[in-house]
C-alpha atoms as a PDB file:
ATOM      1  CA  UNK A   1     -17.812 -17.509   0.726  1.00  0.00           C
ATOM      2  CA  UNK A   2     -15.055 -15.382   2.310  1.00  0.00           C
ATOM      3  CA  UNK A   3     -11.992 -14.590   0.236  1.00  0.00           C
ATOM      4  CA  UNK A   4      -8.503 -14.814   1.685  1.00  0.00           C
ATOM      5  CA  UNK A   5      -5.921 -12.031   1.366  1.00  0.00           C
ATOM      6  CA  UNK A   6      -2.639 -13.722   2.218  1.00  0.00           C
ATOM      7  CA  UNK A   7       0.766 -12.284   3.019  1.00  0.00           C
ATOM      8  CA  UNK A   8       4.031 -13.635   4.355  1.00  0.00           C
ATOM      9  CA  UNK A   9       3.222 -12.233   7.784  1.00  0.00           C
ATOM     10  CA  UNK A  10      -0.585 -12.298   8.035  1.00  0.00           C
ATOM     11  CA  UNK A  11      -3.794 -13.694   6.566  1.00  0.00           C
ATOM     12  CA  UNK A  12      -7.021 -11.712   6.309  1.00  0.00           C
ATOM     13  CA  UNK A  13     -10.423 -13.218   5.589  1.00  0.00           C
ATOM     14  CA  UNK A  14     -13.085 -10.955   4.160  1.00  0.00           C
ATOM     15  CA  UNK A  15     -16.426 -11.250   2.379  1.00  0.00           C
ATOM     16  CA  UNK A  16     -14.995  -9.354  -0.577  1.00  0.00           C
ATOM     17  CA  UNK A  17     -11.403  -8.463  -1.282  1.00  0.00           C
ATOM     18  CA  UNK A  18     -11.416  -5.000   0.213  1.00  0.00           C
ATOM     19  CA  UNK A  19      -7.759  -4.756   1.187  1.00  0.00           C
ATOM     20  CA  UNK A  20      -4.831  -3.633  -0.925  1.00  0.00           C
ATOM     21  CA  UNK A  21      -1.836  -5.892  -0.376  1.00  0.00           C
ATOM     22  CA  UNK A  22       1.207  -3.606  -0.450  1.00  0.00           C
ATOM     23  CA  UNK A  23       4.781  -3.222   0.823  1.00  0.00           C
ATOM     24  CA  UNK A  24       5.860  -0.426   3.163  1.00  0.00           C
ATOM     25  CA  UNK A  25       8.533   1.865   1.667  1.00  0.00           C
ATOM     26  CA  UNK A  26       9.187   4.160   4.639  1.00  0.00           C
ATOM     27  CA  UNK A  27      12.796   3.833   5.862  1.00  0.00           C
ATOM     28  CA  UNK A  28      11.809   2.669   9.381  1.00  0.00           C
ATOM     29  CA  UNK A  29       9.567  -0.159   8.113  1.00  0.00           C
ATOM     30  CA  UNK A  30      10.867  -0.880   4.593  1.00  0.00           C
ATOM     31  CA  UNK A  31       9.717  -4.254   3.291  1.00  0.00           C
ATOM     32  CA  UNK A  32       6.960  -4.772   5.866  1.00  0.00           C
ATOM     33  CA  UNK A  33       3.758  -6.094   4.294  1.00  0.00           C
ATOM     34  CA  UNK A  34       0.649  -3.899   4.568  1.00  0.00           C
ATOM     35  CA  UNK A  35      -3.065  -4.489   4.145  1.00  0.00           C
ATOM     36  CA  UNK A  36      -4.885  -1.191   3.562  1.00  0.00           C
ATOM     37  CA  UNK A  37      -8.661  -0.952   3.375  1.00  0.00           C
ATOM     38  CA  UNK A  38      -9.347   0.164  -0.220  1.00  0.00           C
ATOM     39  CA  UNK A  39     -12.355   2.239   0.910  1.00  0.00           C
ATOM     40  CA  UNK A  40     -10.059   4.526   2.960  1.00  0.00           C
ATOM     41  CA  UNK A  41      -7.826   5.536   0.024  1.00  0.00           C
ATOM     42  CA  UNK A  42      -8.622   9.129  -0.955  1.00  0.00           C
ATOM     43  CA  UNK A  43      -5.622   9.921  -3.171  1.00  0.00           C
ATOM     44  CA  UNK A  44      -2.639   8.108  -4.629  1.00  0.00           C
ATOM     45  CA  UNK A  45       0.389   9.529  -6.388  1.00  0.00           C
ATOM     46  CA  UNK A  46       4.012   8.617  -7.084  1.00  0.00           C
ATOM     47  CA  UNK A  47       7.063  10.773  -6.626  1.00  0.00           C
ATOM     48  CA  UNK A  48      10.823  10.432  -6.605  1.00  0.00           C
ATOM     49  CA  UNK A  49      12.126  10.772  -3.040  1.00  0.00           C
ATOM     50  CA  UNK A  50      15.650  11.423  -1.770  1.00  0.00           C
ATOM     51  CA  UNK A  51      16.102   9.873   1.656  1.00  0.00           C
ATOM     52  CA  UNK A  52      18.325  11.191   4.469  1.00  0.00           C
ATOM     53  CA  UNK A  53      21.037   8.691   3.508  1.00  0.00           C
ATOM     54  CA  UNK A  54      21.090  10.061  -0.080  1.00  0.00           C
ATOM     55  CA  UNK A  55      19.215   7.100  -1.594  1.00  0.00           C
ATOM     56  CA  UNK A  56      16.814   8.181  -4.343  1.00  0.00           C
ATOM     57  CA  UNK A  57      13.781   6.014  -5.042  1.00  0.00           C
ATOM     58  CA  UNK A  58      10.326   6.145  -6.596  1.00  0.00           C
ATOM     59  CA  UNK A  59       7.605   5.855  -3.955  1.00  0.00           C
ATOM     60  CA  UNK A  60       3.818   5.735  -4.208  1.00  0.00           C
ATOM     61  CA  UNK A  61       1.921   7.673  -1.543  1.00  0.00           C
ATOM     62  CA  UNK A  62      -1.587   6.724  -0.401  1.00  0.00           C
ATOM     63  CA  UNK A  63      -3.575   9.240   1.644  1.00  0.00           C
ATOM     64  CA  UNK A  64      -5.969   7.330   3.910  1.00  0.00           C
ATOM     65  CA  UNK A  65      -7.675   9.528   6.514  1.00  0.00           C
ATOM     66  CA  UNK A  66      -7.820   9.439   9.455  1.00  0.00           C
ATOM     67  CA  UNK A  67      -4.618   7.348   9.456  1.00  0.00           C
ATOM     68  CA  UNK A  68      -2.463   9.655   7.333  1.00  0.00           C
ATOM     69  CA  UNK A  69      -0.240   8.900   4.375  1.00  0.00           C
ATOM     70  CA  UNK A  70       1.386   5.550   3.619  1.00  0.00           C
ATOM     71  CA  UNK A  71       4.547   5.173   1.524  1.00  0.00           C
ATOM     72  CA  UNK A  72       4.547   1.971  -0.538  1.00  0.00           C
ATOM     73  CA  UNK A  73       7.060   0.450  -2.934  1.00  0.00           C
ATOM     74  CA  UNK A  74       4.482  -0.677  -5.518  1.00  0.00           C
ATOM     75  CA  UNK A  75       4.167   1.521  -8.602  1.00  0.00           C
ATOM     76  CA  UNK A  76       1.207   3.841  -9.116  1.00  0.00           C
ATOM     77  CA  UNK A  77      -0.094   1.501 -11.850  1.00  0.00           C
ATOM     78  CA  UNK A  78       0.150  -1.539  -9.548  1.00  0.00           C
ATOM     79  CA  UNK A  79      -1.803   0.312  -6.843  1.00  0.00           C
ATOM     80  CA  UNK A  80      -4.469   1.421  -9.340  1.00  0.00           C
ATOM     81  CA  UNK A  81      -4.747  -2.126 -10.623  1.00  0.00           C
ATOM     82  CA  UNK A  82      -5.572  -3.351  -7.113  1.00  0.00           C
ATOM     83  CA  UNK A  83      -7.960  -0.439  -6.487  1.00  0.00           C
ATOM     84  CA  UNK A  84      -9.851  -1.193  -9.704  1.00  0.00           C
ATOM     85  CA  UNK A  85     -10.381  -4.886  -8.910  1.00  0.00           C
ATOM     86  CA  UNK A  86     -13.949  -5.542  -7.853  1.00  0.00           C
END
């Protein structure tokens, strides 16, 4: 039976929950919901970032080749929690 990964802006149906449900933290797309295939995540780390407007925030970075790096607002622990769900 397919599982449903739901968001405010989209719904994904999959045989197993293979998508991380996250929130974009990059300035151009802040607050936009993301669904990232968990199998593409190579590394994850958090760092404090100072934006061009002087705003300082904690951001978690996910490196997902070949797509590049995503900035998300969820904490490192929240991301790991989703990655560790089977």
